[in-house]
N, C-alpha and C. Protein backbone atom coordinates (compact mmCIF):
# COMPACT_ATOMS: atom_id res chain seq x y z
N MET A 1 0.83 -1.20 0.00
CA MET A 1 0.00 0.00 0.00
C MET A 1 0.87 1.26 0.00
N THR A 2 0.44 2.28 -0.73
CA THR A 2 1.14 3.56 -0.68
C THR A 2 0.74 4.30 0.61
N TYR A 3 1.52 5.33 0.97
CA TYR A 3 1.18 6.10 2.16
C TYR A 3 -0.18 6.79 2.00
N ARG A 4 -0.48 7.27 0.80
CA ARG A 4 -1.78 7.90 0.56
C ARG A 4 -2.91 6.89 0.81
N GLU A 5 -2.73 5.67 0.35
CA GLU A 5 -3.76 4.65 0.55
C GLU A 5 -3.91 4.31 2.04
N LEU A 6 -2.79 4.28 2.76
CA LEU A 6 -2.84 3.99 4.19
C LEU A 6 -3.58 5.08 4.95
N VAL A 7 -3.27 6.35 4.62
CA VAL A 7 -3.95 7.48 5.27
C VAL A 7 -5.44 7.44 4.97
N THR A 8 -5.78 7.20 3.71
CA THR A 8 -7.18 7.15 3.31
C THR A 8 -7.92 6.03 4.02
N GLU A 9 -7.31 4.86 4.10
CA GLU A 9 -7.96 3.72 4.75
C GLU A 9 -8.18 3.99 6.24
N ALA A 10 -7.20 4.61 6.90
CA ALA A 10 -7.27 4.82 8.34
C ALA A 10 -8.21 5.96 8.72
N TYR A 11 -8.31 6.99 7.85
CA TYR A 11 -9.03 8.20 8.25
C TYR A 11 -10.11 8.63 7.26
N ASN A 12 -10.49 7.75 6.34
CA ASN A 12 -11.48 8.08 5.33
C ASN A 12 -12.81 8.50 5.93
N HIS A 13 -13.20 7.90 7.05
CA HIS A 13 -14.48 8.20 7.69
C HIS A 13 -14.33 9.29 8.76
N THR A 14 -13.12 9.84 8.88
CA THR A 14 -12.87 10.86 9.89
C THR A 14 -12.62 12.24 9.28
N PHE A 15 -11.84 12.29 8.18
CA PHE A 15 -11.44 13.55 7.59
C PHE A 15 -11.98 13.73 6.17
N GLU A 16 -12.09 15.02 5.76
CA GLU A 16 -12.45 15.32 4.38
C GLU A 16 -11.31 14.91 3.45
N LYS A 17 -11.65 14.74 2.17
CA LYS A 17 -10.64 14.38 1.18
C LYS A 17 -9.54 15.43 1.10
N GLU A 18 -9.92 16.71 1.25
CA GLU A 18 -8.94 17.79 1.18
C GLU A 18 -7.94 17.70 2.33
N LEU A 19 -8.42 17.37 3.51
CA LEU A 19 -7.53 17.25 4.66
C LEU A 19 -6.62 16.03 4.50
N ILE A 20 -7.17 14.94 4.01
CA ILE A 20 -6.35 13.75 3.77
C ILE A 20 -5.22 14.07 2.80
N SER A 21 -5.52 14.84 1.77
CA SER A 21 -4.48 15.23 0.80
C SER A 21 -3.41 16.07 1.47
N GLU A 22 -3.81 16.98 2.36
CA GLU A 22 -2.83 17.80 3.08
C GLU A 22 -1.97 16.94 4.00
N ILE A 23 -2.60 15.98 4.66
CA ILE A 23 -1.84 15.08 5.54
C ILE A 23 -0.75 14.36 4.75
N VAL A 24 -1.11 13.84 3.60
CA VAL A 24 -0.15 13.12 2.76
C VAL A 24 0.98 14.05 2.33
N ASP A 25 0.66 15.31 2.05
CA ASP A 25 1.67 16.26 1.56
C ASP A 25 2.66 16.70 2.64
N VAL A 26 2.18 16.89 3.88
CA VAL A 26 3.04 17.49 4.91
C VAL A 26 3.62 16.47 5.90
N ALA A 27 3.04 15.27 5.95
CA ALA A 27 3.46 14.30 6.97
C ALA A 27 4.84 13.71 6.70
N HIS A 28 5.51 13.40 7.81
CA HIS A 28 6.73 12.60 7.75
C HIS A 28 6.34 11.18 8.18
N PHE A 29 6.44 10.24 7.27
CA PHE A 29 5.99 8.88 7.55
C PHE A 29 7.12 8.06 8.18
N VAL A 30 6.79 7.44 9.30
CA VAL A 30 7.78 6.66 10.05
C VAL A 30 7.30 5.22 10.19
N GLU A 31 8.09 4.29 9.73
CA GLU A 31 7.79 2.87 9.90
C GLU A 31 8.52 2.37 11.14
N PHE A 32 7.79 1.74 12.04
CA PHE A 32 8.40 1.30 13.28
C PHE A 32 8.25 -0.20 13.47
N LYS A 33 9.14 -0.73 14.30
CA LYS A 33 9.14 -2.15 14.63
C LYS A 33 8.73 -2.34 16.09
N GLU A 34 8.29 -3.53 16.42
CA GLU A 34 7.91 -3.85 17.79
C GLU A 34 9.03 -3.48 18.76
N ASP A 35 8.67 -2.81 19.84
CA ASP A 35 9.57 -2.36 20.92
C ASP A 35 10.35 -1.09 20.59
N ASP A 36 10.19 -0.53 19.39
CA ASP A 36 10.81 0.76 19.10
C ASP A 36 10.22 1.84 20.00
N VAL A 37 11.06 2.76 20.47
CA VAL A 37 10.58 3.90 21.25
C VAL A 37 10.21 5.02 20.28
N ILE A 38 8.93 5.30 20.17
CA ILE A 38 8.45 6.32 19.24
C ILE A 38 8.62 7.71 19.84
N MET A 39 8.43 7.81 21.13
CA MET A 39 8.56 9.08 21.84
C MET A 39 9.03 8.77 23.26
N ASP A 40 9.87 9.65 23.81
CA ASP A 40 10.40 9.37 25.14
C ASP A 40 10.18 10.55 26.06
N ILE A 41 10.27 10.28 27.34
CA ILE A 41 10.10 11.30 28.37
C ILE A 41 11.21 12.35 28.23
N GLY A 42 10.81 13.61 28.29
CA GLY A 42 11.78 14.70 28.21
C GLY A 42 11.97 15.26 26.82
N MET A 43 11.42 14.59 25.80
CA MET A 43 11.55 15.09 24.42
C MET A 43 10.58 16.24 24.18
N TYR A 44 11.02 17.24 23.42
CA TYR A 44 10.09 18.27 22.97
C TYR A 44 9.28 17.71 21.81
N ILE A 45 7.98 17.97 21.82
CA ILE A 45 7.09 17.45 20.80
C ILE A 45 7.09 18.39 19.60
N LYS A 46 7.58 17.90 18.49
CA LYS A 46 7.64 18.70 17.26
C LYS A 46 6.61 18.25 16.23
N ALA A 47 5.95 17.12 16.49
CA ALA A 47 4.98 16.60 15.53
C ALA A 47 3.93 15.79 16.28
N VAL A 48 2.75 15.69 15.67
CA VAL A 48 1.63 14.94 16.24
C VAL A 48 1.49 13.63 15.46
N PRO A 49 1.42 12.49 16.14
CA PRO A 49 1.35 11.21 15.44
C PRO A 49 -0.07 10.81 15.06
N LEU A 50 -0.24 10.38 13.83
CA LEU A 50 -1.49 9.75 13.39
C LEU A 50 -1.16 8.30 13.05
N ILE A 51 -1.81 7.36 13.72
CA ILE A 51 -1.47 5.95 13.55
C ILE A 51 -2.17 5.40 12.30
N LEU A 52 -1.35 4.91 11.36
CA LEU A 52 -1.89 4.35 10.11
C LEU A 52 -2.10 2.85 10.22
N CYS A 53 -1.21 2.19 10.94
CA CYS A 53 -1.37 0.76 11.22
C CYS A 53 -0.46 0.41 12.38
N GLY A 54 -0.78 -0.68 13.06
CA GLY A 54 0.01 -1.07 14.22
C GLY A 54 -0.58 -0.54 15.51
N THR A 55 0.08 -0.85 16.63
CA THR A 55 -0.37 -0.45 17.96
C THR A 55 0.80 0.10 18.76
N ILE A 56 0.56 1.18 19.47
CA ILE A 56 1.58 1.80 20.32
C ILE A 56 1.04 1.88 21.74
N LYS A 57 1.86 1.53 22.71
CA LYS A 57 1.43 1.65 24.10
C LYS A 57 2.06 2.91 24.71
N VAL A 58 1.29 3.57 25.55
CA VAL A 58 1.73 4.82 26.18
C VAL A 58 1.97 4.55 27.65
N MET A 59 3.19 4.84 28.10
CA MET A 59 3.60 4.55 29.47
C MET A 59 3.90 5.85 30.22
N ARG A 60 3.63 5.84 31.50
CA ARG A 60 3.95 6.97 32.39
C ARG A 60 5.02 6.51 33.36
N ARG A 61 6.02 7.34 33.56
CA ARG A 61 7.14 6.98 34.42
C ARG A 61 6.96 7.52 35.82
N ASP A 62 7.11 6.66 36.82
CA ASP A 62 7.15 7.06 38.22
C ASP A 62 8.45 6.53 38.79
N PHE A 63 9.25 7.42 39.33
CA PHE A 63 10.58 7.01 39.77
C PHE A 63 10.57 6.15 41.02
N ASP A 64 9.40 6.06 41.67
CA ASP A 64 9.30 5.20 42.85
C ASP A 64 8.82 3.80 42.49
N ILE A 65 7.82 3.73 41.59
CA ILE A 65 7.23 2.42 41.29
C ILE A 65 7.55 1.92 39.89
N GLY A 66 8.21 2.75 39.07
CA GLY A 66 8.56 2.31 37.73
C GLY A 66 7.58 2.82 36.70
N GLU A 67 7.38 2.07 35.61
CA GLU A 67 6.50 2.50 34.53
C GLU A 67 5.09 1.94 34.70
N LEU A 68 4.13 2.73 34.27
CA LEU A 68 2.73 2.33 34.36
C LEU A 68 2.10 2.46 32.98
N LEU A 69 1.42 1.41 32.54
CA LEU A 69 0.72 1.44 31.26
C LEU A 69 -0.53 2.30 31.39
N LEU A 70 -0.64 3.35 30.54
CA LEU A 70 -1.80 4.23 30.56
C LEU A 70 -2.86 3.78 29.57
N TYR A 71 -2.49 3.62 28.31
CA TYR A 71 -3.44 3.21 27.29
C TYR A 71 -2.71 2.80 26.02
N PHE A 72 -3.47 2.26 25.07
CA PHE A 72 -2.94 1.90 23.76
C PHE A 72 -3.54 2.83 22.72
N ILE A 73 -2.77 3.15 21.67
CA ILE A 73 -3.33 3.87 20.54
C ILE A 73 -3.14 3.00 19.30
N GLU A 74 -4.20 2.98 18.48
CA GLU A 74 -4.23 2.09 17.33
C GLU A 74 -4.55 2.85 16.05
N LYS A 75 -4.72 2.12 14.99
CA LYS A 75 -5.06 2.68 13.67
C LYS A 75 -6.23 3.65 13.76
N GLY A 76 -6.04 4.85 13.19
CA GLY A 76 -7.09 5.85 13.18
C GLY A 76 -7.10 6.74 14.40
N ASN A 77 -6.14 6.55 15.31
CA ASN A 77 -6.07 7.33 16.55
C ASN A 77 -4.84 8.23 16.58
N THR A 78 -4.80 9.07 17.61
CA THR A 78 -3.61 9.84 17.92
C THR A 78 -3.42 9.82 19.42
N CYS A 79 -2.34 10.41 19.91
CA CYS A 79 -2.05 10.44 21.34
C CYS A 79 -2.47 11.81 21.90
N ALA A 80 -3.49 11.83 22.75
CA ALA A 80 -4.00 13.08 23.30
C ALA A 80 -2.96 13.81 24.13
N MET A 81 -2.12 13.07 24.85
CA MET A 81 -1.10 13.71 25.66
C MET A 81 -0.07 14.40 24.79
N THR A 82 0.18 13.85 23.61
CA THR A 82 1.07 14.49 22.65
C THR A 82 0.45 15.78 22.12
N LEU A 83 -0.86 15.74 21.88
CA LEU A 83 -1.56 16.94 21.42
C LEU A 83 -1.39 18.07 22.43
N GLY A 84 -1.54 17.75 23.71
CA GLY A 84 -1.42 18.76 24.75
C GLY A 84 -0.02 19.32 24.86
N CYS A 85 0.99 18.47 24.77
CA CYS A 85 2.38 18.91 24.86
C CYS A 85 2.78 19.75 23.65
N SER A 86 2.26 19.39 22.48
CA SER A 86 2.65 20.09 21.26
C SER A 86 2.12 21.52 21.25
N THR A 87 0.92 21.73 21.75
CA THR A 87 0.34 23.07 21.73
C THR A 87 1.00 23.98 22.77
N GLY A 88 1.55 23.41 23.81
CA GLY A 88 2.17 24.23 24.85
C GLY A 88 3.68 24.25 24.79
N ASN A 89 4.26 23.66 23.75
CA ASN A 89 5.72 23.58 23.63
C ASN A 89 6.34 23.00 24.89
N LYS A 90 5.73 21.93 25.38
CA LYS A 90 6.20 21.28 26.59
C LYS A 90 6.97 20.00 26.26
N LYS A 91 7.73 19.56 27.25
CA LYS A 91 8.42 18.29 27.10
C LYS A 91 7.44 17.14 27.36
N SER A 92 7.67 16.04 26.67
CA SER A 92 6.82 14.87 26.83
C SER A 92 6.96 14.30 28.24
N GLU A 93 5.82 13.90 28.81
CA GLU A 93 5.83 13.25 30.12
C GLU A 93 5.44 11.77 29.99
N ILE A 94 5.42 11.30 28.76
CA ILE A 94 5.07 9.89 28.53
C ILE A 94 6.13 9.24 27.63
N ARG A 95 6.12 7.91 27.64
CA ARG A 95 6.97 7.14 26.73
C ARG A 95 6.05 6.31 25.84
N ALA A 96 6.20 6.46 24.54
CA ALA A 96 5.38 5.70 23.59
C ALA A 96 6.25 4.63 22.96
N ILE A 97 5.83 3.37 23.11
CA ILE A 97 6.61 2.23 22.66
C ILE A 97 5.75 1.39 21.72
N ALA A 98 6.34 0.96 20.61
CA ALA A 98 5.62 0.16 19.63
C ALA A 98 5.30 -1.22 20.21
N GLU A 99 4.03 -1.54 20.22
CA GLU A 99 3.59 -2.85 20.68
C GLU A 99 3.65 -3.86 19.53
N THR A 100 3.44 -3.36 18.31
CA THR A 100 3.54 -4.18 17.10
C THR A 100 4.25 -3.36 16.02
N ASP A 101 4.60 -3.98 14.93
CA ASP A 101 5.11 -3.23 13.78
C ASP A 101 4.00 -2.32 13.25
N GLY A 102 4.38 -1.21 12.66
CA GLY A 102 3.36 -0.32 12.12
C GLY A 102 3.94 0.90 11.43
N ILE A 103 3.07 1.83 11.10
CA ILE A 103 3.46 3.08 10.43
C ILE A 103 2.70 4.23 11.06
N VAL A 104 3.39 5.34 11.26
CA VAL A 104 2.76 6.52 11.82
C VAL A 104 3.07 7.71 10.93
N ALA A 105 2.08 8.60 10.76
CA ALA A 105 2.27 9.84 10.02
C ALA A 105 2.49 10.95 11.04
N MET A 106 3.66 11.57 11.02
CA MET A 106 3.99 12.63 11.97
C MET A 106 3.64 13.98 11.34
N ILE A 107 2.71 14.70 11.97
CA ILE A 107 2.20 15.97 11.45
C ILE A 107 2.89 17.12 12.18
N PRO A 108 3.52 18.06 11.45
CA PRO A 108 4.16 19.21 12.10
C PRO A 108 3.18 19.97 12.99
N ILE A 109 3.62 20.36 14.18
CA ILE A 109 2.70 20.99 15.13
C ILE A 109 2.16 22.32 14.60
N GLN A 110 2.87 22.94 13.65
CA GLN A 110 2.38 24.20 13.08
C GLN A 110 1.03 24.02 12.41
N LYS A 111 0.72 22.79 11.99
CA LYS A 111 -0.54 22.53 11.31
C LYS A 111 -1.72 22.42 12.27
N MET A 112 -1.45 22.25 13.55
CA MET A 112 -2.51 22.07 14.54
C MET A 112 -3.50 23.24 14.51
N GLU A 113 -2.98 24.45 14.69
CA GLU A 113 -3.85 25.64 14.74
C GLU A 113 -4.48 25.91 13.38
N GLU A 114 -3.67 25.76 12.33
CA GLU A 114 -4.19 26.02 10.98
C GLU A 114 -5.36 25.11 10.65
N TRP A 115 -5.22 23.81 10.89
CA TRP A 115 -6.27 22.87 10.56
C TRP A 115 -7.48 23.01 11.48
N SER A 116 -7.25 23.45 12.74
CA SER A 116 -8.37 23.65 13.66
C SER A 116 -9.32 24.72 13.15
N GLY A 117 -8.76 25.74 12.50
CA GLY A 117 -9.59 26.79 11.94
C GLY A 117 -10.13 26.46 10.56
N LYS A 118 -9.46 25.58 9.86
CA LYS A 118 -9.79 25.30 8.46
C LYS A 118 -10.72 24.10 8.30
N TYR A 119 -10.58 23.10 9.15
CA TYR A 119 -11.34 21.86 8.98
C TYR A 119 -12.13 21.51 10.25
N ARG A 120 -13.44 21.44 10.09
CA ARG A 120 -14.29 21.05 11.21
C ARG A 120 -13.96 19.62 11.67
N SER A 121 -13.65 18.75 10.72
CA SER A 121 -13.38 17.35 11.06
C SER A 121 -12.13 17.24 11.94
N TRP A 122 -11.14 18.10 11.70
CA TRP A 122 -9.91 18.07 12.52
C TRP A 122 -10.22 18.50 13.95
N ARG A 123 -11.02 19.56 14.11
CA ARG A 123 -11.40 20.02 15.45
C ARG A 123 -12.14 18.91 16.19
N ALA A 124 -13.08 18.27 15.49
CA ALA A 124 -13.84 17.19 16.12
C ALA A 124 -12.93 16.02 16.51
N PHE A 125 -11.98 15.72 15.65
CA PHE A 125 -11.04 14.63 15.91
C PHE A 125 -10.20 14.90 17.15
N VAL A 126 -9.71 16.13 17.28
CA VAL A 126 -8.89 16.51 18.43
C VAL A 126 -9.70 16.39 19.73
N PHE A 127 -10.92 16.95 19.73
CA PHE A 127 -11.76 16.90 20.93
C PHE A 127 -12.12 15.46 21.29
N GLU A 128 -12.45 14.66 20.28
CA GLU A 128 -12.80 13.27 20.54
C GLU A 128 -11.59 12.49 21.08
N SER A 129 -10.41 12.81 20.56
CA SER A 129 -9.19 12.14 21.04
C SER A 129 -8.94 12.46 22.51
N TYR A 130 -9.11 13.74 22.87
CA TYR A 130 -8.96 14.13 24.28
C TYR A 130 -9.97 13.38 25.15
N ASN A 131 -11.22 13.33 24.69
CA ASN A 131 -12.27 12.69 25.47
C ASN A 131 -12.01 11.19 25.64
N ASN A 132 -11.63 10.51 24.54
CA ASN A 132 -11.37 9.07 24.62
C ASN A 132 -10.21 8.76 25.54
N ARG A 133 -9.13 9.53 25.42
CA ARG A 133 -7.96 9.27 26.26
C ARG A 133 -8.26 9.58 27.72
N PHE A 134 -9.06 10.63 27.95
CA PHE A 134 -9.43 10.98 29.33
C PHE A 134 -10.19 9.82 29.97
N GLU A 135 -11.11 9.22 29.23
CA GLU A 135 -11.86 8.08 29.76
C GLU A 135 -10.94 6.90 30.04
N GLU A 136 -9.94 6.70 29.16
CA GLU A 136 -9.01 5.59 29.38
C GLU A 136 -8.12 5.85 30.59
N LEU A 137 -7.74 7.12 30.79
CA LEU A 137 -6.94 7.47 31.96
C LEU A 137 -7.75 7.25 33.24
N LEU A 138 -9.03 7.62 33.22
CA LEU A 138 -9.89 7.36 34.38
C LEU A 138 -9.98 5.87 34.66
N SER A 139 -10.07 5.08 33.58
CA SER A 139 -10.12 3.63 33.74
C SER A 139 -8.82 3.10 34.35
N ALA A 140 -7.69 3.67 33.91
CA ALA A 140 -6.39 3.26 34.47
C ALA A 140 -6.31 3.59 35.95
N ILE A 141 -6.82 4.78 36.32
CA ILE A 141 -6.83 5.18 37.72
C ILE A 141 -7.72 4.26 38.54
N ASP A 142 -8.91 3.95 37.99
CA ASP A 142 -9.82 3.05 38.69
C ASP A 142 -9.17 1.68 38.91
N ASN A 143 -8.45 1.21 37.89
CA ASN A 143 -7.78 -0.09 38.02
C ASN A 143 -6.82 -0.10 39.19
N ILE A 144 -6.07 1.00 39.33
CA ILE A 144 -5.07 1.07 40.39
C ILE A 144 -5.71 1.26 41.76
N ALA A 145 -6.71 2.16 41.80
CA ALA A 145 -7.28 2.55 43.08
C ALA A 145 -8.30 1.56 43.64
N PHE A 146 -9.11 0.97 42.74
CA PHE A 146 -10.25 0.21 43.22
C PHE A 146 -10.21 -1.29 42.92
N MET A 147 -9.36 -1.71 42.00
CA MET A 147 -9.32 -3.12 41.66
C MET A 147 -8.11 -3.80 42.32
N ASN A 148 -8.30 -5.04 42.70
CA ASN A 148 -7.15 -5.79 43.17
C ASN A 148 -6.37 -6.31 41.96
N MET A 149 -5.20 -6.85 42.22
CA MET A 149 -4.34 -7.27 41.11
C MET A 149 -4.98 -8.39 40.30
N ASN A 150 -5.79 -9.21 40.95
CA ASN A 150 -6.48 -10.28 40.25
C ASN A 150 -7.36 -9.73 39.13
N GLU A 151 -8.14 -8.70 39.44
CA GLU A 151 -9.03 -8.08 38.45
C GLU A 151 -8.24 -7.32 37.40
N ARG A 152 -7.21 -6.60 37.84
CA ARG A 152 -6.39 -5.83 36.92
C ARG A 152 -5.73 -6.73 35.88
N LEU A 153 -5.23 -7.87 36.34
CA LEU A 153 -4.55 -8.80 35.45
C LEU A 153 -5.52 -9.36 34.41
N TYR A 154 -6.72 -9.76 34.84
CA TYR A 154 -7.66 -10.34 33.88
C TYR A 154 -8.14 -9.28 32.89
N ASN A 155 -8.36 -8.05 33.36
CA ASN A 155 -8.72 -6.96 32.45
C ASN A 155 -7.61 -6.71 31.44
N TYR A 156 -6.39 -6.77 31.92
CA TYR A 156 -5.22 -6.58 31.03
C TYR A 156 -5.21 -7.65 29.94
N LEU A 157 -5.43 -8.89 30.31
CA LEU A 157 -5.41 -9.99 29.34
C LEU A 157 -6.52 -9.84 28.30
N THR A 158 -7.70 -9.48 28.73
CA THR A 158 -8.81 -9.33 27.78
C THR A 158 -8.57 -8.14 26.85
N GLU A 159 -7.98 -7.06 27.38
CA GLU A 159 -7.68 -5.90 26.54
C GLU A 159 -6.60 -6.24 25.51
N ARG A 160 -5.59 -6.98 25.93
CA ARG A 160 -4.52 -7.40 25.01
C ARG A 160 -5.10 -8.28 23.90
N SER A 161 -6.04 -9.15 24.28
CA SER A 161 -6.66 -10.04 23.30
C SER A 161 -7.41 -9.23 22.23
N LYS A 162 -8.11 -8.17 22.65
CA LYS A 162 -8.83 -7.32 21.71
C LYS A 162 -7.86 -6.61 20.76
N ILE A 163 -6.79 -6.07 21.32
CA ILE A 163 -5.82 -5.32 20.53
C ILE A 163 -5.14 -6.21 19.50
N GLU A 164 -4.76 -7.40 19.91
CA GLU A 164 -4.06 -8.32 19.02
C GLU A 164 -5.02 -9.13 18.15
N ASN A 165 -6.33 -8.98 18.44
CA ASN A 165 -7.34 -9.74 17.69
C ASN A 165 -7.02 -11.22 17.68
N SER A 166 -6.63 -11.68 18.86
CA SER A 166 -6.23 -13.09 18.99
C SER A 166 -6.42 -13.53 20.43
N LYS A 167 -6.73 -14.80 20.61
CA LYS A 167 -6.83 -15.36 21.96
C LYS A 167 -5.44 -15.66 22.54
N ILE A 168 -4.42 -15.60 21.68
CA ILE A 168 -3.06 -15.86 22.12
C ILE A 168 -2.37 -14.55 22.45
N ILE A 169 -1.85 -14.42 23.66
CA ILE A 169 -1.16 -13.22 24.11
C ILE A 169 0.31 -13.56 24.27
N ASN A 170 1.13 -13.00 23.41
CA ASN A 170 2.56 -13.33 23.41
C ASN A 170 3.33 -12.41 24.35
N LYS A 171 3.19 -12.67 25.63
CA LYS A 171 3.87 -11.91 26.66
C LYS A 171 4.41 -12.87 27.72
N THR A 172 5.61 -12.56 28.22
CA THR A 172 6.13 -13.34 29.33
C THR A 172 5.54 -12.82 30.64
N HIS A 173 5.64 -13.61 31.68
CA HIS A 173 5.14 -13.20 32.99
C HIS A 173 5.89 -11.95 33.46
N GLN A 174 7.17 -11.87 33.17
CA GLN A 174 7.96 -10.71 33.59
C GLN A 174 7.51 -9.44 32.86
N GLU A 175 7.21 -9.56 31.58
CA GLU A 175 6.75 -8.40 30.81
C GLU A 175 5.40 -7.89 31.34
N ILE A 176 4.51 -8.81 31.65
CA ILE A 176 3.21 -8.42 32.20
C ILE A 176 3.39 -7.75 33.55
N ALA A 177 4.25 -8.33 34.37
CA ALA A 177 4.51 -7.75 35.70
C ALA A 177 5.03 -6.31 35.57
N GLY A 178 5.91 -6.08 34.60
CA GLY A 178 6.45 -4.74 34.41
C GLY A 178 5.39 -3.73 34.03
N GLU A 179 4.45 -4.14 33.18
CA GLU A 179 3.41 -3.21 32.73
C GLU A 179 2.35 -2.97 33.80
N LEU A 180 2.20 -3.90 34.72
CA LEU A 180 1.20 -3.75 35.79
C LEU A 180 1.83 -3.33 37.12
N ASN A 181 3.12 -3.03 37.10
CA ASN A 181 3.84 -2.64 38.31
C ASN A 181 3.65 -3.66 39.44
N SER A 182 3.89 -4.90 39.08
CA SER A 182 3.81 -5.98 40.05
C SER A 182 5.10 -6.79 39.96
N SER A 183 5.13 -7.94 40.60
CA SER A 183 6.30 -8.81 40.53
C SER A 183 5.98 -10.03 39.69
N ARG A 184 7.00 -10.63 39.11
CA ARG A 184 6.79 -11.83 38.30
C ARG A 184 6.17 -12.94 39.13
N VAL A 185 6.58 -13.06 40.39
CA VAL A 185 6.06 -14.13 41.25
C VAL A 185 4.56 -13.99 41.44
N VAL A 186 4.10 -12.76 41.70
CA VAL A 186 2.67 -12.52 41.91
C VAL A 186 1.89 -12.82 40.63
N ILE A 187 2.39 -12.32 39.49
CA ILE A 187 1.70 -12.53 38.22
C ILE A 187 1.64 -14.01 37.88
N SER A 188 2.72 -14.72 38.07
CA SER A 188 2.75 -16.16 37.78
C SER A 188 1.75 -16.91 38.65
N ARG A 189 1.66 -16.54 39.90
CA ARG A 189 0.72 -17.21 40.82
C ARG A 189 -0.73 -16.96 40.37
N LEU A 190 -1.04 -15.72 40.02
CA LEU A 190 -2.39 -15.40 39.60
C LEU A 190 -2.75 -16.09 38.28
N LEU A 191 -1.78 -16.15 37.36
CA LEU A 191 -2.02 -16.83 36.09
C LEU A 191 -2.29 -18.32 36.30
N LYS A 192 -1.58 -18.91 37.21
CA LYS A 192 -1.81 -20.33 37.50
C LYS A 192 -3.21 -20.54 38.08
N ASN A 193 -3.66 -19.57 38.90
CA ASN A 193 -5.02 -19.66 39.44
C ASN A 193 -6.05 -19.55 38.31
N PHE A 194 -5.80 -18.64 37.37
CA PHE A 194 -6.70 -18.51 36.21
C PHE A 194 -6.75 -19.81 35.42
N GLU A 195 -5.59 -20.46 35.30
CA GLU A 195 -5.54 -21.72 34.55
C GLU A 195 -6.36 -22.79 35.27
N LYS A 196 -6.26 -22.83 36.59
CA LYS A 196 -7.04 -23.80 37.35
C LYS A 196 -8.54 -23.54 37.20
N GLU A 197 -8.90 -22.26 37.05
CA GLU A 197 -10.30 -21.89 36.87
C GLU A 197 -10.73 -22.04 35.41
N GLN A 198 -9.82 -22.50 34.56
CA GLN A 198 -10.06 -22.74 33.14
C GLN A 198 -10.42 -21.45 32.38
N LYS A 199 -9.83 -20.35 32.84
CA LYS A 199 -10.00 -19.07 32.13
C LYS A 199 -8.93 -18.89 31.07
N ILE A 200 -7.77 -19.51 31.30
CA ILE A 200 -6.65 -19.39 30.38
C ILE A 200 -5.91 -20.71 30.28
N LYS A 201 -5.03 -20.78 29.29
CA LYS A 201 -4.09 -21.89 29.17
C LYS A 201 -2.69 -21.31 29.06
N LEU A 202 -1.79 -21.75 29.93
CA LEU A 202 -0.42 -21.22 29.93
C LEU A 202 0.46 -22.02 28.98
N ASN A 203 1.14 -21.29 28.08
CA ASN A 203 2.11 -21.89 27.19
C ASN A 203 3.46 -21.23 27.43
N ARG A 204 4.48 -21.72 26.76
CA ARG A 204 5.81 -21.13 26.92
C ARG A 204 5.81 -19.74 26.27
N ASN A 205 6.00 -18.71 27.06
CA ASN A 205 6.06 -17.30 26.62
C ASN A 205 4.79 -16.80 25.96
N SER A 206 3.66 -17.48 26.23
CA SER A 206 2.38 -17.00 25.71
C SER A 206 1.25 -17.50 26.62
N ILE A 207 0.10 -16.83 26.49
CA ILE A 207 -1.08 -17.16 27.27
C ILE A 207 -2.27 -17.22 26.32
N GLU A 208 -3.09 -18.25 26.48
CA GLU A 208 -4.26 -18.38 25.63
C GLU A 208 -5.52 -18.18 26.48
N LEU A 209 -6.36 -17.21 26.06
CA LEU A 209 -7.63 -17.01 26.73
C LEU A 209 -8.62 -18.08 26.26
N LEU A 210 -9.34 -18.66 27.21
CA LEU A 210 -10.32 -19.72 26.87
C LEU A 210 -11.73 -19.17 26.92
């Protein structure tokens, strides 16, 4: 697929044809591989990412407890926290890491204000992105504050299954523990309990939801 075809496929129902043409003209297209760091903490935001394919996870760093998974962004989405940093010329407070291979269109921040005044669809997209990410952040907070690790882990597995569109989750116990700010021992114990309850099947370096 050409970049124009990828942009059209991802945003055809979101943006006008004129805006899609502008995106293709001004964007810097970046192809990324799994585990690539797309954006890091402390970086100045010079462009806004539009996801054409693939999945990126957004992490928040806490120097006491480590990294915390905030949300995933997928095809047809952008990162609301990046939008906020770009408009205020602030440094990034998140780390964006490729969960799968994919392609992102990086839009120069100068286009943010221009397109907000020029295209109604762009304004709606920005507001909707803020709203969606805000709801996901509230969900992340609820997970930490009100759910025990047992519930958080099962929610994590079901969310991963949706993102990967597969019942097979290719994650090690250590990787899951890192994303949930827990220990490998705790995660392994809970996974074994899930297996006994016939909710999952444990394989080598993967988990199958039943």
